Amino acid sequence: MKFFADTADINEIQELAATGLLDGVTTNLSLIAKTGRDFIATISEICALVEGPVSAEVAATDMETMLSEGRKLASIADNVAVKVPLTWDGLKACRALSRDGIMVNVTLCFSANQALLAAKAGAAFVSPFIGRLDDVGEDGMSLIADIRTIYDNYPDLGTEILAASIRHPRHVTEAALAGADVATVPPAVLKQIVHHPLTDKGLAQFVADWKKTGQSIL
């Protein structure tokens, strides 16, 4: 499974990209607004830091303006994935943009039928929002499993399942088990995945035992 960072914070992206484990970045209008920075400049800087796809969201809700905004965003860098909402206008924009060879991430997916339509429209990615479904008492992870089954039934559909709205490390595990192609994860959660108390305890013991020998590898 690929790991994308769900952030627009340049410092966080630099830190994660340095690990070599980051496959891409997802942003949205809210994340970039929180930075207080220029939208286009921020996307451009992120694209220079990350080789993989960088999702940049349109602000429009009508198809024609989505197309204009999407084409402008795609011109920033080759690795921009234009993010459009899962609406009729969004799907029509997705179809047009994908036919132009532009990567499209169809976002705000909350049902398997919506995901099927996104794939039919040529989306490179579809983003089911796991956490938001959990928030309203539904099982977000079962949606990932349903989409996986449907997509596997039709091998010609090339859309990748991008598990979004991930809230904690268990979501990452469950998304991988359910067959998500990508998990887009807030940096804080991504860092949590590395840590385990038994790892810390074991390392402390190794260091203490080694210190007692008085030896040095170098």
C-alpha atoms as a PDB file:
ATOM      1  CA  MET A   1       0.000   0.000   0.000  1.00  0.00           C
ATOM      2  CA  LYS A   2       1.184   3.497  -0.831  1.00  0.00           C
ATOM      3  CA  PHE A   3       1.399   6.217   1.800  1.00  0.00           C
ATOM      4  CA  PHE A   4       0.365   9.779   1.023  1.00  0.00           C
ATOM      5  CA  ALA A   5       0.659  12.607   3.562  1.00  0.00           C
ATOM      6  CA  ASP A   6      -2.574  14.514   4.110  1.00  0.00           C
ATOM      7  CA  THR A   7      -1.206  17.981   4.765  1.00  0.00           C
ATOM      8  CA  ALA A   8      -0.204  21.280   3.184  1.00  0.00           C
ATOM      9  CA  ASP A   9       2.508  22.001   5.758  1.00  0.00           C
ATOM     10  CA  ILE A  10       5.770  22.301   3.829  1.00  0.00           C
ATOM     11  CA  ASN A  11       7.973  21.512   6.844  1.00  0.00           C
ATOM     12  CA  GLU A  12       6.031  18.320   7.578  1.00  0.00           C
ATOM     13  CA  ILE A  13       6.252  17.238   3.949  1.00  0.00           C
ATOM     14  CA  GLN A  14      10.001  17.878   3.847  1.00  0.00           C
ATOM     15  CA  GLU A  15      10.506  15.775   6.976  1.00  0.00           C
ATOM     16  CA  LEU A  16       8.430  12.867   5.679  1.00  0.00           C
ATOM     17  CA  ALA A  17       9.870  13.009   2.158  1.00  0.00           C
ATOM     18  CA  ALA A  18      13.366  12.680   3.622  1.00  0.00           C
ATOM     19  CA  THR A  19      12.463   9.183   4.880  1.00  0.00           C
ATOM     20  CA  GLY A  20      11.971   7.918   1.332  1.00  0.00           C
ATOM     21  CA  LEU A  21       8.671   6.324   2.445  1.00  0.00           C
ATOM     22  CA  LEU A  22       6.329   9.021   1.137  1.00  0.00           C
ATOM     23  CA  ASP A  23       4.560   8.183  -2.130  1.00  0.00           C
ATOM     24  CA  GLY A  24       2.527  11.355  -2.543  1.00  0.00           C
ATOM     25  CA  VAL A  25       0.581  14.157  -0.871  1.00  0.00           C
ATOM     26  CA  THR A  26      -3.081  15.099  -0.649  1.00  0.00           C
ATOM     27  CA  THR A  27      -4.166  18.640   0.075  1.00  0.00           C
ATOM     28  CA  ASN A  28      -7.519  20.371   0.090  1.00  0.00           C
ATOM     29  CA  LEU A  29      -8.821  23.903   0.258  1.00  0.00           C
ATOM     30  CA  SER A  30      -9.138  23.806   4.053  1.00  0.00           C
ATOM     31  CA  LEU A  31      -5.600  22.508   4.649  1.00  0.00           C
ATOM     32  CA  ILE A  32      -4.047  25.179   2.457  1.00  0.00           C
ATOM     33  CA  ALA A  33      -6.224  27.901   4.010  1.00  0.00           C
ATOM     34  CA  LYS A  34      -4.829  26.938   7.429  1.00  0.00           C
ATOM     35  CA  THR A  35      -1.287  27.660   6.239  1.00  0.00           C
ATOM     36  CA  GLY A  36      -2.177  31.239   5.261  1.00  0.00           C
ATOM     37  CA  ARG A  37      -0.024  30.831   2.162  1.00  0.00           C
ATOM     38  CA  ASP A  38      -0.718  31.409  -1.534  1.00  0.00           C
ATOM     39  CA  PHE A  39      -2.556  28.423  -2.993  1.00  0.00           C
ATOM     40  CA  ILE A  40      -0.692  28.074  -6.298  1.00  0.00           C
ATOM     41  CA  ALA A  41       2.726  28.694  -4.739  1.00  0.00           C
ATOM     42  CA  THR A  42       2.067  26.067  -2.063  1.00  0.00           C
ATOM     43  CA  ILE A  43       1.072  23.398  -4.608  1.00  0.00           C
ATOM     44  CA  SER A  44       4.119  24.221  -6.713  1.00  0.00           C
ATOM     45  CA  GLU A  45       6.462  23.881  -3.740  1.00  0.00           C
ATOM     46  CA  ILE A  46       4.925  20.575  -2.651  1.00  0.00           C
ATOM     47  CA  CYS A  47       5.223  19.172  -6.178  1.00  0.00           C
ATOM     48  CA  ALA A  48       8.931  19.994  -6.166  1.00  0.00           C
ATOM     49  CA  LEU A  49       9.406  18.100  -2.885  1.00  0.00           C
ATOM     50  CA  VAL A  50       7.479  14.947  -3.808  1.00  0.00           C
ATOM     51  CA  GLU A  51       7.894  12.778  -6.890  1.00  0.00           C
ATOM     52  CA  GLY A  52       4.487  11.100  -6.542  1.00  0.00           C
ATOM     53  CA  PRO A  53       1.005  12.527  -7.074  1.00  0.00           C
ATOM     54  CA  VAL A  54       0.046  15.737  -5.306  1.00  0.00           C
ATOM     55  CA  SER A  55      -3.711  16.263  -5.065  1.00  0.00           C
ATOM     56  CA  ALA A  56      -4.792  19.862  -5.587  1.00  0.00           C
ATOM     57  CA  GLU A  57      -8.481  20.650  -5.203  1.00  0.00           C
ATOM     58  CA  VAL A  58     -10.637  22.838  -7.414  1.00  0.00           C
ATOM     59  CA  ALA A  59     -12.726  25.487  -5.688  1.00  0.00           C
ATOM     60  CA  ALA A  60     -15.553  25.564  -8.235  1.00  0.00           C
ATOM     61  CA  THR A  61     -18.716  23.473  -8.121  1.00  0.00           C
ATOM     62  CA  ASP A  62     -19.841  23.828 -11.773  1.00  0.00           C
ATOM     63  CA  MET A  63     -18.259  21.731 -14.515  1.00  0.00           C
ATOM     64  CA  GLU A  64     -16.985  24.497 -16.782  1.00  0.00           C
ATOM     65  CA  THR A  65     -15.165  26.348 -14.008  1.00  0.00           C
ATOM     66  CA  MET A  66     -13.854  23.048 -12.604  1.00  0.00           C
ATOM     67  CA  LEU A  67     -12.341  22.331 -16.013  1.00  0.00           C
ATOM     68  CA  SER A  68     -10.659  25.741 -16.174  1.00  0.00           C
ATOM     69  CA  GLU A  69      -9.339  25.482 -12.624  1.00  0.00           C
ATOM     70  CA  GLY A  70      -8.314  21.851 -13.125  1.00  0.00           C
ATOM     71  CA  ARG A  71      -6.309  22.629 -16.245  1.00  0.00           C
ATOM     72  CA  LYS A  72      -4.587  25.520 -14.491  1.00  0.00           C
ATOM     73  CA  LEU A  73      -3.693  23.301 -11.530  1.00  0.00           C
ATOM     74  CA  ALA A  74      -2.436  20.542 -13.837  1.00  0.00           C
ATOM     75  CA  SER A  75      -0.135  23.054 -15.552  1.00  0.00           C
ATOM     76  CA  ILE A  76       1.742  23.649 -12.270  1.00  0.00           C
ATOM     77  CA  ALA A  77       3.594  20.316 -12.460  1.00  0.00           C
ATOM     78  CA  ASP A  78       3.330  16.917 -14.102  1.00  0.00           C
ATOM     79  CA  ASN A  79       2.582  15.214 -10.774  1.00  0.00           C
ATOM     80  CA  VAL A  80      -0.525  17.235  -9.929  1.00  0.00           C
ATOM     81  CA  ALA A  81      -3.679  15.171  -9.472  1.00  0.00           C
ATOM     82  CA  VAL A  82      -6.674  17.460  -9.812  1.00  0.00           C
ATOM     83  CA  LYS A  83      -9.158  16.837  -7.017  1.00  0.00           C
ATOM     84  CA  VAL A  84     -12.853  17.193  -7.863  1.00  0.00           C
ATOM     85  CA  PRO A  85     -15.948  16.436  -5.752  1.00  0.00           C
ATOM     86  CA  LEU A  86     -18.127  13.394  -6.359  1.00  0.00           C
ATOM     87  CA  THR A  87     -21.033  15.267  -7.924  1.00  0.00           C
ATOM     88  CA  TRP A  88     -22.484  15.098 -11.436  1.00  0.00           C
ATOM     89  CA  ASP A  89     -20.463  18.169 -12.401  1.00  0.00           C
ATOM     90  CA  GLY A  90     -17.393  16.696 -10.756  1.00  0.00           C
ATOM     91  CA  LEU A  91     -17.767  13.427 -12.644  1.00  0.00           C
ATOM     92  CA  LYS A  92     -18.208  15.245 -15.955  1.00  0.00           C
ATOM     93  CA  ALA A  93     -15.114  17.325 -15.213  1.00  0.00           C
ATOM     94  CA  CYS A  94     -13.244  14.155 -14.285  1.00  0.00           C
ATOM     95  CA  ARG A  95     -14.172  12.574 -17.602  1.00  0.00           C
ATOM     96  CA  ALA A  96     -12.962  15.571 -19.593  1.00  0.00           C
ATOM     97  CA  LEU A  97      -9.747  16.059 -17.632  1.00  0.00           C
ATOM     98  CA  SER A  98      -8.826  12.377 -17.658  1.00  0.00           C
ATOM     99  CA  ARG A  99      -9.319  12.285 -21.431  1.00  0.00           C
ATOM    100  CA  ASP A 100      -6.731  15.070 -21.613  1.00  0.00           C
ATOM    101  CA  GLY A 101      -4.274  12.829 -19.752  1.00  0.00           C
ATOM    102  CA  ILE A 102      -4.651  14.650 -16.432  1.00  0.00           C
ATOM    103  CA  MET A 103      -4.712  12.636 -13.186  1.00  0.00           C
ATOM    104  CA  VAL A 104      -7.949  13.163 -11.282  1.00  0.00           C
ATOM    105  CA  ASN A 105      -8.739  12.353  -7.660  1.00  0.00           C
ATOM    106  CA  VAL A 106     -12.496  12.171  -7.094  1.00  0.00           C
ATOM    107  CA  THR A 107     -13.060  13.080  -3.466  1.00  0.00           C
ATOM    108  CA  LEU A 108     -15.865  12.955  -0.887  1.00  0.00           C
ATOM    109  CA  CYS A 109     -16.866   9.404  -1.776  1.00  0.00           C
ATOM    110  CA  PHE A 110     -19.291   7.774   0.659  1.00  0.00           C
ATOM    111  CA  SER A 111     -20.759   4.831  -1.259  1.00  0.00           C
ATOM    112  CA  ALA A 112     -19.626   1.970  -3.478  1.00  0.00           C
ATOM    113  CA  ASN A 113     -21.943   3.145  -6.262  1.00  0.00           C
ATOM    114  CA  GLN A 114     -20.280   6.553  -6.205  1.00  0.00           C
ATOM    115  CA  ALA A 115     -16.881   4.856  -6.457  1.00  0.00           C
ATOM    116  CA  LEU A 116     -18.069   2.857  -9.471  1.00  0.00           C
ATOM    117  CA  LEU A 117     -19.176   6.046 -11.215  1.00  0.00           C
ATOM    118  CA  ALA A 118     -15.823   7.691 -10.464  1.00  0.00           C
ATOM    119  CA  ALA A 119     -14.002   4.764 -12.050  1.00  0.00           C
ATOM    120  CA  LYS A 120     -16.289   4.899 -15.097  1.00  0.00           C
ATOM    121  CA  ALA A 121     -15.449   8.605 -15.400  1.00  0.00           C
ATOM    122  CA  GLY A 122     -11.740   7.781 -15.597  1.00  0.00           C
ATOM    123  CA  ALA A 123     -10.576   8.804 -12.134  1.00  0.00           C
ATOM    124  CA  ALA A 124      -6.982   7.948 -11.274  1.00  0.00           C
ATOM    125  CA  PHE A 125      -8.005   7.880  -7.592  1.00  0.00           C
ATOM    126  CA  VAL A 126     -11.244   7.732  -5.653  1.00  0.00           C
ATOM    127  CA  SER A 127     -11.203   8.928  -2.039  1.00  0.00           C
ATOM    128  CA  PRO A 128     -13.642   7.187   0.341  1.00  0.00           C
ATOM    129  CA  PHE A 129     -13.793   9.069   3.652  1.00  0.00           C
ATOM    130  CA  ILE A 130     -13.507   6.374   6.323  1.00  0.00           C
ATOM    131  CA  GLY A 131     -13.494   8.526   9.447  1.00  0.00           C
ATOM    132  CA  ARG A 132     -16.451  10.659   8.436  1.00  0.00           C
ATOM    133  CA  LEU A 133     -18.564   7.536   7.875  1.00  0.00           C
ATOM    134  CA  ASP A 134     -17.523   6.209  11.288  1.00  0.00           C
ATOM    135  CA  ASP A 135     -18.546   9.559  12.781  1.00  0.00           C
ATOM    136  CA  VAL A 136     -22.164   9.052  11.682  1.00  0.00           C
ATOM    137  CA  GLY A 137     -22.361   5.456  12.869  1.00  0.00           C
ATOM    138  CA  GLU A 138     -21.545   3.704   9.587  1.00  0.00           C
ATOM    139  CA  ASP A 139     -18.664   1.304   8.968  1.00  0.00           C
ATOM    140  CA  GLY A 140     -16.178   3.233   6.878  1.00  0.00           C
ATOM    141  CA  MET A 141     -13.866   0.279   6.397  1.00  0.00           C
ATOM    142  CA  SER A 142     -16.588  -1.924   4.910  1.00  0.00           C
ATOM    143  CA  LEU A 143     -16.874   0.680   2.154  1.00  0.00           C
ATOM    144  CA  ILE A 144     -13.209   0.130   1.254  1.00  0.00           C
ATOM    145  CA  ALA A 145     -13.822  -3.627   1.092  1.00  0.00           C
ATOM    146  CA  ASP A 146     -16.928  -3.185  -1.075  1.00  0.00           C
ATOM    147  CA  ILE A 147     -15.133  -0.923  -3.529  1.00  0.00           C
ATOM    148  CA  ARG A 148     -12.199  -3.345  -3.696  1.00  0.00           C
ATOM    149  CA  THR A 149     -14.534  -6.222  -4.559  1.00  0.00           C
ATOM    150  CA  ILE A 150     -16.324  -4.220  -7.244  1.00  0.00           C
ATOM    151  CA  TYR A 151     -13.120  -2.960  -8.850  1.00  0.00           C
ATOM    152  CA  ASP A 152     -11.628  -6.463  -8.825  1.00  0.00           C
ATOM    153  CA  ASN A 153     -14.723  -7.711 -10.653  1.00  0.00           C
ATOM    154  CA  TYR A 154     -13.889  -5.366 -13.517  1.00  0.00           C
ATOM    155  CA  PRO A 155     -10.131  -5.420 -14.248  1.00  0.00           C
ATOM    156  CA  ASP A 156     -10.477  -2.720 -16.916  1.00  0.00           C
ATOM    157  CA  LEU A 157     -11.199  -0.161 -14.185  1.00  0.00           C
ATOM    158  CA  GLY A 158      -7.835   1.394 -13.380  1.00  0.00           C
ATOM    159  CA  THR A 159      -8.908   3.620 -10.493  1.00  0.00           C
ATOM    160  CA  GLU A 160      -6.912   3.322  -7.263  1.00  0.00           C
ATOM    161  CA  ILE A 161      -8.709   3.286  -3.907  1.00  0.00           C
ATOM    162  CA  LEU A 162      -7.322   6.095  -1.753  1.00  0.00           C
ATOM    163  CA  ALA A 163      -8.446   5.623   1.850  1.00  0.00           C
ATOM    164  CA  ALA A 164      -9.017   9.099   3.290  1.00  0.00           C
ATOM    165  CA  SER A 165     -10.199  10.685   6.543  1.00  0.00           C
ATOM    166  CA  ILE A 166      -7.914   8.326   8.465  1.00  0.00           C
ATOM    167  CA  ARG A 167      -7.968   9.085  12.187  1.00  0.00           C
ATOM    168  CA  HIS A 168      -5.629   6.569  13.856  1.00  0.00           C
ATOM    169  CA  PRO A 169      -3.104   3.777  13.133  1.00  0.00           C
ATOM    170  CA  ARG A 170      -5.744   1.040  13.254  1.00  0.00           C
ATOM    171  CA  HIS A 171      -7.458   2.677  10.294  1.00  0.00           C
ATOM    172  CA  VAL A 172      -4.234   2.223   8.330  1.00  0.00           C
ATOM    173  CA  THR A 173      -4.042  -1.476   9.193  1.00  0.00           C
ATOM    174  CA  GLU A 174      -7.691  -2.045   8.334  1.00  0.00           C
ATOM    175  CA  ALA A 175      -7.385  -0.149   5.042  1.00  0.00           C
ATOM    176  CA  ALA A 176      -4.426  -2.314   4.036  1.00  0.00           C
ATOM    177  CA  LEU A 177      -6.318  -5.492   4.979  1.00  0.00           C
ATOM    178  CA  ALA A 178      -9.346  -4.332   2.994  1.00  0.00           C
ATOM    179  CA  GLY A 179      -7.215  -3.797  -0.098  1.00  0.00           C
ATOM    180  CA  ALA A 180      -6.878  -0.017  -0.357  1.00  0.00           C
ATOM    181  CA  ASP A 181      -4.200   0.987  -2.855  1.00  0.00           C
ATOM    182  CA  VAL A 182      -3.299   4.148  -0.951  1.00  0.00           C
ATOM    183  CA  ALA A 183      -3.785   5.532   2.548  1.00  0.00           C
ATOM    184  CA  THR A 184      -3.577   9.284   2.878  1.00  0.00           C
ATOM    185  CA  VAL A 185      -2.560   9.907   6.456  1.00  0.00           C
ATOM    186  CA  PRO A 186      -2.106  13.020   8.618  1.00  0.00           C
ATOM    187  CA  PRO A 187       1.598  13.348   9.537  1.00  0.00           C
ATOM    188  CA  ALA A 188       0.862  12.867  13.248  1.00  0.00           C
ATOM    189  CA  VAL A 189      -0.807   9.516  12.561  1.00  0.00           C
ATOM    190  CA  LEU A 190       1.946   8.475  10.166  1.00  0.00           C
ATOM    191  CA  LYS A 191       4.510   9.070  12.918  1.00  0.00           C
ATOM    192  CA  GLN A 192       2.388   7.109  15.414  1.00  0.00           C
ATOM    193  CA  ILE A 193       2.645   4.042  13.187  1.00  0.00           C
ATOM    194  CA  VAL A 194       6.405   3.867  13.780  1.00  0.00           C
ATOM    195  CA  HIS A 195       6.152   3.773  17.554  1.00  0.00           C
ATOM    196  CA  HIS A 196       5.347   0.845  19.797  1.00  0.00           C
ATOM    197  CA  PRO A 197       6.147   0.674  23.528  1.00  0.00           C
ATOM    198  CA  LEU A 198       7.760  -2.757  23.161  1.00  0.00           C
ATOM    199  CA  THR A 199      10.049  -1.427  20.440  1.00  0.00           C
ATOM    200  CA  ASP A 200      11.144   1.401  22.734  1.00  0.00           C
ATOM    201  CA  LYS A 201      11.594  -0.994  25.657  1.00  0.00           C
ATOM    202  CA  GLY A 202      13.581  -3.477  23.608  1.00  0.00           C
ATOM    203  CA  LEU A 203      15.861  -0.817  22.178  1.00  0.00           C
ATOM    204  CA  ALA A 204      16.562   0.622  25.635  1.00  0.00           C
ATOM    205  CA  GLN A 205      17.564  -2.860  26.820  1.00  0.00           C
ATOM    206  CA  PHE A 206      19.874  -3.421  23.845  1.00  0.00           C
ATOM    207  CA  VAL A 207      21.564  -0.055  24.415  1.00  0.00           C
ATOM    208  CA  ALA A 208      22.003  -0.715  28.137  1.00  0.00           C
ATOM    209  CA  ASP A 209      23.469  -4.189  27.546  1.00  0.00           C
ATOM    210  CA  TRP A 210      25.850  -2.905  24.890  1.00  0.00           C
ATOM    211  CA  LYS A 211      27.028  -0.060  27.133  1.00  0.00           C
ATOM    212  CA  LYS A 212      28.023  -2.588  29.814  1.00  0.00           C
ATOM    213  CA  THR A 213      30.470  -4.267  27.402  1.00  0.00           C
ATOM    214  CA  GLY A 214      32.527  -1.111  27.028  1.00  0.00           C
ATOM    215  CA  GLN A 215      32.953  -1.864  23.328  1.00  0.00           C
ATOM    216  CA  SER A 216      32.530   0.299  20.211  1.00  0.00           C
ATOM    217  CA  ILE A 217      31.675  -0.791  16.704  1.00  0.00           C
ATOM    218  CA  LEU A 218      33.518   2.183  15.196  1.00  0.00           C
END
